[in-house]
C-alpha atoms as a PDB file:
ATOM      1  CA  MET A   1       0.000   0.000   0.000  1.00  0.00           C
ATOM      2  CA  ASN A   2       1.385   3.403  -0.999  1.00  0.00           C
ATOM      3  CA  PRO A   3       2.074   6.042   1.661  1.00  0.00           C
ATOM      4  CA  THR A   4      -0.680   8.650   1.947  1.00  0.00           C
ATOM      5  CA  THR A   5       0.099  11.799  -0.036  1.00  0.00           C
ATOM      6  CA  TRP A   6      -1.741  15.123   0.032  1.00  0.00           C
ATOM      7  CA  GLY A   7      -1.326  18.117  -2.216  1.00  0.00           C
ATOM      8  CA  VAL A   8      -0.758  21.617  -0.842  1.00  0.00           C
ATOM      9  CA  VAL A   9      -1.577  24.329  -3.371  1.00  0.00           C
ATOM     10  CA  VAL A  10      -0.412  27.883  -2.684  1.00  0.00           C
ATOM     11  CA  THR A  11      -2.406  30.679  -4.336  1.00  0.00           C
ATOM     12  CA  CYS A  12      -1.113  33.690  -2.405  1.00  0.00           C
ATOM     13  CA  GLY A  13       2.040  35.750  -1.951  1.00  0.00           C
ATOM     14  CA  LYS A  14       4.325  37.568  -4.347  1.00  0.00           C
ATOM     15  CA  SER A  15       5.278  34.379  -6.196  1.00  0.00           C
ATOM     16  CA  GLU A  16       1.613  33.946  -7.141  1.00  0.00           C
ATOM     17  CA  GLN A  17       1.093  37.461  -8.471  1.00  0.00           C
ATOM     18  CA  MET A  18       1.625  38.980 -11.886  1.00  0.00           C
ATOM     19  CA  THR A  19       4.295  41.636 -12.312  1.00  0.00           C
ATOM     20  CA  SER A  20       1.500  44.198 -11.843  1.00  0.00           C
ATOM     21  CA  GLY A  21       0.677  42.763  -8.403  1.00  0.00           C
ATOM     22  CA  VAL A  22      -2.596  41.118  -9.496  1.00  0.00           C
ATOM     23  CA  ASP A  23      -3.411  37.700  -7.977  1.00  0.00           C
ATOM     24  CA  ILE A  24      -3.041  35.038 -10.670  1.00  0.00           C
ATOM     25  CA  SER A  25      -5.087  32.141  -9.315  1.00  0.00           C
ATOM     26  CA  PHE A  26      -8.535  33.642  -9.827  1.00  0.00           C
ATOM     27  CA  LEU A  27      -8.007  35.189 -13.251  1.00  0.00           C
ATOM     28  CA  ASP A  28      -9.749  33.724 -16.297  1.00  0.00           C
ATOM     29  CA  LEU A  29      -7.711  31.356 -18.460  1.00  0.00           C
ATOM     30  CA  ALA A  30      -9.534  29.888 -21.474  1.00  0.00           C
ATOM     31  CA  GLY A  31     -12.877  30.237 -19.707  1.00  0.00           C
ATOM     32  CA  LYS A  32     -11.831  28.784 -16.345  1.00  0.00           C
ATOM     33  CA  ALA A  33     -10.089  30.131 -13.257  1.00  0.00           C
ATOM     34  CA  VAL A  34      -6.310  29.580 -13.313  1.00  0.00           C
ATOM     35  CA  LEU A  35      -6.489  27.701 -10.009  1.00  0.00           C
ATOM     36  CA  SER A  36      -8.941  25.158 -11.423  1.00  0.00           C
ATOM     37  CA  TYR A  37      -6.308  23.643 -13.737  1.00  0.00           C
ATOM     38  CA  THR A  38      -3.963  22.770 -10.872  1.00  0.00           C
ATOM     39  CA  LEU A  39      -6.785  21.369  -8.768  1.00  0.00           C
ATOM     40  CA  GLN A  40      -7.990  19.275 -11.687  1.00  0.00           C
ATOM     41  CA  ALA A  41      -4.530  17.757 -12.169  1.00  0.00           C
ATOM     42  CA  LEU A  42      -4.357  16.836  -8.477  1.00  0.00           C
ATOM     43  CA  GLU A  43      -7.931  15.539  -8.560  1.00  0.00           C
ATOM     44  CA  GLN A  44      -7.111  13.206 -11.454  1.00  0.00           C
ATOM     45  CA  SER A  45      -3.853  11.877  -9.980  1.00  0.00           C
ATOM     46  CA  HIS A  46      -4.307   8.480  -8.326  1.00  0.00           C
ATOM     47  CA  GLU A  47      -1.361   9.299  -6.037  1.00  0.00           C
ATOM     48  CA  ILE A  48      -3.092  12.220  -4.312  1.00  0.00           C
ATOM     49  CA  ALA A  49      -5.546  11.419  -1.503  1.00  0.00           C
ATOM     50  CA  GLY A  50      -6.428  14.945  -0.374  1.00  0.00           C
ATOM     51  CA  VAL A  51      -5.717  18.590  -1.125  1.00  0.00           C
ATOM     52  CA  VAL A  52      -5.256  21.698   1.011  1.00  0.00           C
ATOM     53  CA  VAL A  53      -5.575  25.083  -0.689  1.00  0.00           C
ATOM     54  CA  VAL A  54      -3.751  28.033   0.861  1.00  0.00           C
ATOM     55  CA  ALA A  55      -5.267  31.375  -0.134  1.00  0.00           C
ATOM     56  CA  ALA A  56      -4.873  34.992   0.906  1.00  0.00           C
ATOM     57  CA  PRO A  57      -7.185  35.679   3.884  1.00  0.00           C
ATOM     58  CA  GLU A  58      -9.447  37.858   1.754  1.00  0.00           C
ATOM     59  CA  ARG A  59      -9.619  35.130  -0.940  1.00  0.00           C
ATOM     60  CA  VAL A  60     -10.558  32.125   1.223  1.00  0.00           C
ATOM     61  CA  GLU A  61     -14.285  32.407   0.519  1.00  0.00           C
ATOM     62  CA  GLN A  62     -13.626  32.871  -3.197  1.00  0.00           C
ATOM     63  CA  ALA A  63     -11.424  29.767  -3.244  1.00  0.00           C
ATOM     64  CA  LEU A  64     -14.136  27.795  -1.453  1.00  0.00           C
ATOM     65  CA  GLY A  65     -16.721  28.910  -3.992  1.00  0.00           C
ATOM     66  CA  LEU A  66     -14.457  27.919  -6.870  1.00  0.00           C
ATOM     67  CA  CYS A  67     -13.871  24.446  -5.428  1.00  0.00           C
ATOM     68  CA  GLN A  68     -17.606  23.965  -4.940  1.00  0.00           C
ATOM     69  CA  LEU A  69     -18.338  25.207  -8.462  1.00  0.00           C
ATOM     70  CA  TYR A  70     -16.065  22.614 -10.062  1.00  0.00           C
ATOM     71  CA  GLY A  71     -16.936  19.845  -7.607  1.00  0.00           C
ATOM     72  CA  PHE A  72     -13.384  18.923  -6.618  1.00  0.00           C
ATOM     73  CA  ALA A  73     -13.868  15.945  -4.299  1.00  0.00           C
ATOM     74  CA  LYS A  74     -10.323  15.819  -2.868  1.00  0.00           C
ATOM     75  CA  ILE A  75     -10.367  19.292  -1.291  1.00  0.00           C
ATOM     76  CA  ARG A  76     -10.048  18.838   2.460  1.00  0.00           C
ATOM     77  CA  LYS A  77      -9.427  22.375   3.721  1.00  0.00           C
ATOM     78  CA  ILE A  78      -8.900  25.924   2.516  1.00  0.00           C
ATOM     79  CA  VAL A  79      -6.718  27.932   4.890  1.00  0.00           C
ATOM     80  CA  PRO A  80      -5.372  31.507   4.960  1.00  0.00           C
ATOM     81  CA  GLY A  81      -1.754  31.980   3.935  1.00  0.00           C
ATOM     82  CA  VAL A  82       0.951  34.626   4.237  1.00  0.00           C
ATOM     83  CA  ALA A  83       3.207  36.596   1.883  1.00  0.00           C
ATOM     84  CA  SER A  84       5.970  34.009   1.408  1.00  0.00           C
ATOM     85  CA  PHE A  85       5.572  30.677  -0.406  1.00  0.00           C
ATOM     86  CA  TYR A  86       7.074  28.512   2.320  1.00  0.00           C
ATOM     87  CA  GLY A  87       5.320  30.500   5.033  1.00  0.00           C
ATOM     88  CA  SER A  88       2.077  29.585   3.273  1.00  0.00           C
ATOM     89  CA  VAL A  89       3.242  25.977   2.953  1.00  0.00           C
ATOM     90  CA  GLN A  90       3.654  25.880   6.738  1.00  0.00           C
ATOM     91  CA  GLN A  91       0.074  27.075   7.124  1.00  0.00           C
ATOM     92  CA  GLY A  92      -1.057  24.340   4.756  1.00  0.00           C
ATOM     93  CA  LEU A  93       0.868  21.637   6.597  1.00  0.00           C
ATOM     94  CA  LYS A  94      -1.089  22.386   9.755  1.00  0.00           C
ATOM     95  CA  ALA A  95      -4.215  21.232   7.924  1.00  0.00           C
ATOM     96  CA  VAL A  96      -2.994  17.911   6.475  1.00  0.00           C
ATOM     97  CA  GLY A  97      -4.330  14.656   7.884  1.00  0.00           C
ATOM     98  CA  GLU A  98      -2.535  12.785  10.658  1.00  0.00           C
ATOM     99  CA  ASP A  99      -1.933   9.799   8.378  1.00  0.00           C
ATOM    100  CA  VAL A 100      -0.170  11.863   5.675  1.00  0.00           C
ATOM    101  CA  GLN A 101       3.439  10.846   5.000  1.00  0.00           C
ATOM    102  CA  PHE A 102       4.214  12.789   1.811  1.00  0.00           C
ATOM    103  CA  VAL A 103       3.108  16.156   0.480  1.00  0.00           C
ATOM    104  CA  CYS A 104       3.063  17.471  -3.074  1.00  0.00           C
ATOM    105  CA  LEU A 105       3.550  21.242  -3.243  1.00  0.00           C
ATOM    106  CA  HIS A 106       2.540  23.472  -6.123  1.00  0.00           C
ATOM    107  CA  GLY A 107       2.044  27.144  -6.829  1.00  0.00           C
ATOM    108  CA  ALA A 108      -1.170  27.756  -8.779  1.00  0.00           C
ATOM    109  CA  GLY A 109       0.635  30.191 -11.067  1.00  0.00           C
ATOM    110  CA  ARG A 110       1.835  27.169 -13.093  1.00  0.00           C
ATOM    111  CA  PRO A 111      -1.481  25.839 -14.479  1.00  0.00           C
ATOM    112  CA  CYS A 112      -0.116  23.655 -17.300  1.00  0.00           C
ATOM    113  CA  ILE A 113       0.722  20.639 -15.154  1.00  0.00           C
ATOM    114  CA  THR A 114      -0.897  17.244 -15.750  1.00  0.00           C
ATOM    115  CA  SER A 115      -2.048  14.446 -13.490  1.00  0.00           C
ATOM    116  CA  THR A 116       0.683  12.288 -15.035  1.00  0.00           C
ATOM    117  CA  LEU A 117       3.389  14.750 -14.003  1.00  0.00           C
ATOM    118  CA  VAL A 118       1.961  14.981 -10.484  1.00  0.00           C
ATOM    119  CA  SER A 119       1.974  11.194 -10.188  1.00  0.00           C
ATOM    120  CA  GLU A 120       5.541  10.838 -11.493  1.00  0.00           C
ATOM    121  CA  VAL A 121       6.845  13.463  -9.055  1.00  0.00           C
ATOM    122  CA  VAL A 122       5.085  11.787  -6.132  1.00  0.00           C
ATOM    123  CA  LYS A 123       6.464   8.380  -7.139  1.00  0.00           C
ATOM    124  CA  GLY A 124       9.945   9.889  -7.339  1.00  0.00           C
ATOM    125  CA  ALA A 125       9.592  11.310  -3.841  1.00  0.00           C
ATOM    126  CA  ARG A 126       8.401   8.000  -2.432  1.00  0.00           C
ATOM    127  CA  LYS A 127      11.507   6.347  -3.842  1.00  0.00           C
ATOM    128  CA  GLU A 128      14.113   9.022  -3.045  1.00  0.00           C
ATOM    129  CA  GLY A 129      12.517  11.093  -0.270  1.00  0.00           C
ATOM    130  CA  ALA A 130      12.018  14.220  -2.374  1.00  0.00           C
ATOM    131  CA  ALA A 131      11.448  14.940  -6.060  1.00  0.00           C
ATOM    132  CA  ALA A 132      10.717  17.900  -8.315  1.00  0.00           C
ATOM    133  CA  ALA A 133       9.559  18.489 -11.860  1.00  0.00           C
ATOM    134  CA  GLY A 134      12.118  20.119 -14.098  1.00  0.00           C
ATOM    135  CA  LYS A 135      13.521  20.513 -17.563  1.00  0.00           C
ATOM    136  CA  HIS A 136      16.973  19.348 -18.609  1.00  0.00           C
ATOM    137  CA  VAL A 137      18.870  22.375 -19.934  1.00  0.00           C
ATOM    138  CA  GLY A 138      21.678  20.707 -21.902  1.00  0.00           C
ATOM    139  CA  GLY A 139      23.969  22.429 -24.413  1.00  0.00           C
ATOM    140  CA  GLN A 140      26.069  25.389 -23.308  1.00  0.00           C
ATOM    141  CA  LEU A 141      25.368  28.390 -21.110  1.00  0.00           C
ATOM    142  CA  LEU A 142      27.133  31.718 -21.635  1.00  0.00           C
ATOM    143  CA  VAL A 143      28.287  33.814 -18.693  1.00  0.00           C
ATOM    144  CA  THR A 144      28.574  37.536 -19.419  1.00  0.00           C
ATOM    145  CA  GLY A 145      30.231  40.424 -17.640  1.00  0.00           C
ATOM    146  CA  LYS A 146      30.258  44.170 -18.099  1.00  0.00           C
ATOM    147  CA  GLY A 147      28.530  45.260 -21.280  1.00  0.00           C
ATOM    148  CA  ASP A 148      27.040  41.787 -21.710  1.00  0.00           C
ATOM    149  CA  VAL A 149      30.328  40.501 -23.081  1.00  0.00           C
ATOM    150  CA  VAL A 150      30.753  36.729 -22.810  1.00  0.00           C
ATOM    151  CA  THR A 151      33.351  35.866 -20.185  1.00  0.00           C
ATOM    152  CA  GLU A 152      32.800  32.131 -19.788  1.00  0.00           C
ATOM    153  CA  VAL A 153      31.169  29.190 -21.539  1.00  0.00           C
ATOM    154  CA  VAL A 154      29.646  26.609 -19.186  1.00  0.00           C
ATOM    155  CA  ASP A 155      28.832  23.018 -20.112  1.00  0.00           C
ATOM    156  CA  ALA A 156      25.136  22.654 -19.191  1.00  0.00           C
ATOM    157  CA  SER A 157      24.813  18.942 -19.916  1.00  0.00           C
ATOM    158  CA  ALA A 158      24.139  18.246 -16.225  1.00  0.00           C
ATOM    159  CA  HIS A 159      22.041  21.367 -15.569  1.00  0.00           C
ATOM    160  CA  TRP A 160      18.299  21.434 -14.905  1.00  0.00           C
ATOM    161  CA  ALA A 161      15.714  24.212 -14.655  1.00  0.00           C
ATOM    162  CA  LEU A 162      13.638  23.616 -11.525  1.00  0.00           C
ATOM    163  CA  GLN A 163       9.848  23.725 -11.837  1.00  0.00           C
ATOM    164  CA  SER A 164       6.937  22.464  -9.754  1.00  0.00           C
ATOM    165  CA  PRO A 165       5.146  20.429  -8.525  1.00  0.00           C
ATOM    166  CA  VAL A 166       7.601  19.190  -5.940  1.00  0.00           C
ATOM    167  CA  ALA A 167       6.980  16.385  -3.464  1.00  0.00           C
ATOM    168  CA  CYS A 168       8.689  15.447  -0.230  1.00  0.00           C
ATOM    169  CA  ARG A 169       8.500  13.305   2.862  1.00  0.00           C
ATOM    170  CA  LEU A 170       6.485  15.276   5.389  1.00  0.00           C
ATOM    171  CA  ASP A 171       8.972  14.665   8.199  1.00  0.00           C
ATOM    172  CA  TRP A 172      11.854  15.963   6.027  1.00  0.00           C
ATOM    173  CA  LEU A 173       9.844  19.037   5.106  1.00  0.00           C
ATOM    174  CA  LYS A 174       9.011  19.865   8.711  1.00  0.00           C
ATOM    175  CA  LEU A 175      12.637  19.402   9.786  1.00  0.00           C
ATOM    176  CA  ALA A 176      13.888  21.603   6.928  1.00  0.00           C
ATOM    177  CA  LEU A 177      11.376  24.368   7.676  1.00  0.00           C
ATOM    178  CA  ALA A 178      12.366  24.308  11.344  1.00  0.00           C
ATOM    179  CA  ALA A 179      16.061  24.472  10.413  1.00  0.00           C
ATOM    180  CA  ALA A 180      15.463  27.401   8.057  1.00  0.00           C
ATOM    181  CA  ALA A 181      13.600  29.262  10.801  1.00  0.00           C
ATOM    182  CA  LYS A 182      16.391  28.574  13.287  1.00  0.00           C
ATOM    183  CA  ASN A 183      19.050  29.717  10.817  1.00  0.00           C
ATOM    184  CA  LYS A 184      16.924  32.724   9.766  1.00  0.00           C
ATOM    185  CA  SER A 185      17.382  31.733   6.140  1.00  0.00           C
ATOM    186  CA  HIS A 186      14.885  32.316   3.357  1.00  0.00           C
ATOM    187  CA  PRO A 187      14.884  29.322   0.956  1.00  0.00           C
ATOM    188  CA  GLU A 188      13.650  30.025  -2.559  1.00  0.00           C
ATOM    189  CA  ASP A 189      12.799  26.451  -3.548  1.00  0.00           C
ATOM    190  CA  LEU A 190      12.705  22.848  -2.328  1.00  0.00           C
ATOM    191  CA  VAL A 191      16.333  22.163  -3.246  1.00  0.00           C
ATOM    192  CA  ASP A 192      17.450  25.178  -1.233  1.00  0.00           C
ATOM    193  CA  LEU A 193      15.131  24.270   1.642  1.00  0.00           C
ATOM    194  CA  LEU A 194      16.235  20.642   1.930  1.00  0.00           C
ATOM    195  CA  GLY A 195      19.837  21.812   1.820  1.00  0.00           C
ATOM    196  CA  GLU A 196      19.177  22.998   5.380  1.00  0.00           C
ATOM    197  CA  ILE A 197      19.121  19.344   6.488  1.00  0.00           C
ATOM    198  CA  LYS A 198      21.488  18.042   3.786  1.00  0.00           C
ATOM    199  CA  LYS A 199      18.865  16.107   1.849  1.00  0.00           C
ATOM    200  CA  SER A 200      18.825  15.859  -1.941  1.00  0.00           C
ATOM    201  CA  VAL A 201      16.036  16.093  -4.523  1.00  0.00           C
ATOM    202  CA  LYS A 202      15.367  13.710  -7.410  1.00  0.00           C
ATOM    203  CA  MET A 203      14.644  15.537 -10.692  1.00  0.00           C
ATOM    204  CA  VAL A 204      11.708  14.316 -12.805  1.00  0.00           C
ATOM    205  CA  ALA A 205      11.763  15.326 -16.462  1.00  0.00           C
ATOM    206  CA  ASN A 206       8.710  17.248 -17.618  1.00  0.00           C
ATOM    207  CA  PRO A 207       8.222  16.920 -21.398  1.00  0.00           C
ATOM    208  CA  ARG A 208       5.650  19.745 -21.607  1.00  0.00           C
ATOM    209  CA  PRO A 209       6.085  23.515 -21.199  1.00  0.00           C
ATOM    210  CA  ASN A 210       5.384  24.460 -17.576  1.00  0.00           C
ATOM    211  CA  ILE A 211       4.650  28.160 -17.889  1.00  0.00           C
ATOM    212  CA  LEU A 212       4.757  30.402 -14.831  1.00  0.00           C
ATOM    213  CA  LEU A 213       2.126  33.082 -15.418  1.00  0.00           C
ATOM    214  CA  ARG A 214       3.685  36.466 -14.739  1.00  0.00           C
ATOM    215  CA  GLN A 215       2.563  38.713 -17.607  1.00  0.00           C
ATOM    216  CA  PRO A 216      -0.187  38.803 -20.283  1.00  0.00           C
ATOM    217  CA  THR A 217       1.914  37.082 -22.951  1.00  0.00           C
ATOM    218  CA  ASP A 218       2.278  34.062 -20.640  1.00  0.00           C
ATOM    219  CA  PHE A 219      -1.496  33.697 -20.661  1.00  0.00           C
ATOM    220  CA  MET A 220      -1.502  33.565 -24.443  1.00  0.00           C
ATOM    221  CA  MET A 221       0.983  30.683 -24.448  1.00  0.00           C
ATOM    222  CA  ALA A 222      -0.900  28.852 -21.699  1.00  0.00           C
ATOM    223  CA  VAL A 223      -4.190  29.117 -23.616  1.00  0.00           C
ATOM    224  CA  ALA A 224      -2.515  27.488 -26.620  1.00  0.00           C
ATOM    225  CA  LEU A 225      -1.311  24.602 -24.447  1.00  0.00           C
ATOM    226  CA  LEU A 226      -4.569  24.078 -22.607  1.00  0.00           C
ATOM    227  CA  ALA A 227      -6.938  24.452 -25.548  1.00  0.00           C
END
């Protein structure tokens, strides 16, 4: 029997806003709210048993209405979050069930994920302890200096671009968050966070574009993918 895994979806904070400061999750994308695409992917993944949505305090009722509108059966709680992504994750973790052993984290600003990707990331975490979606960079990267003049050529054959969702053992995540708080550090992603307790992350290749919505042109590309 597989360990119980819940999703924690963050819809608030600066990382979930457009460059203009507008909340992304509740904007229209191809006739549906941006948040609905993430929740649908989690709903359709056989590896996810429950979902907690973390929303800005003033958006909690709106998030509840959206979940009821689309009939998402795996939603367990909708809780208020804070400005930072991992601060909101901590709020979400307080609401997960006592039997939960793994969590799958995702920011709703990346709506182009699939249930297959969610499942593969969760499976990777169950095997290695932590896993994250990403794209293999490959080729060469150019390092520039003053005046954008190339100063170094870097072999990128072993480089990855980190995306989400990410999944992790719940006990590791709690230990890493506690360590970051003790060290007064501000991790930007799961790799950085788990570095606090010297744990590594398994990368899971994502074959599809995983657009982070930050400006209007991103919406245009996402519509093309989701149509």
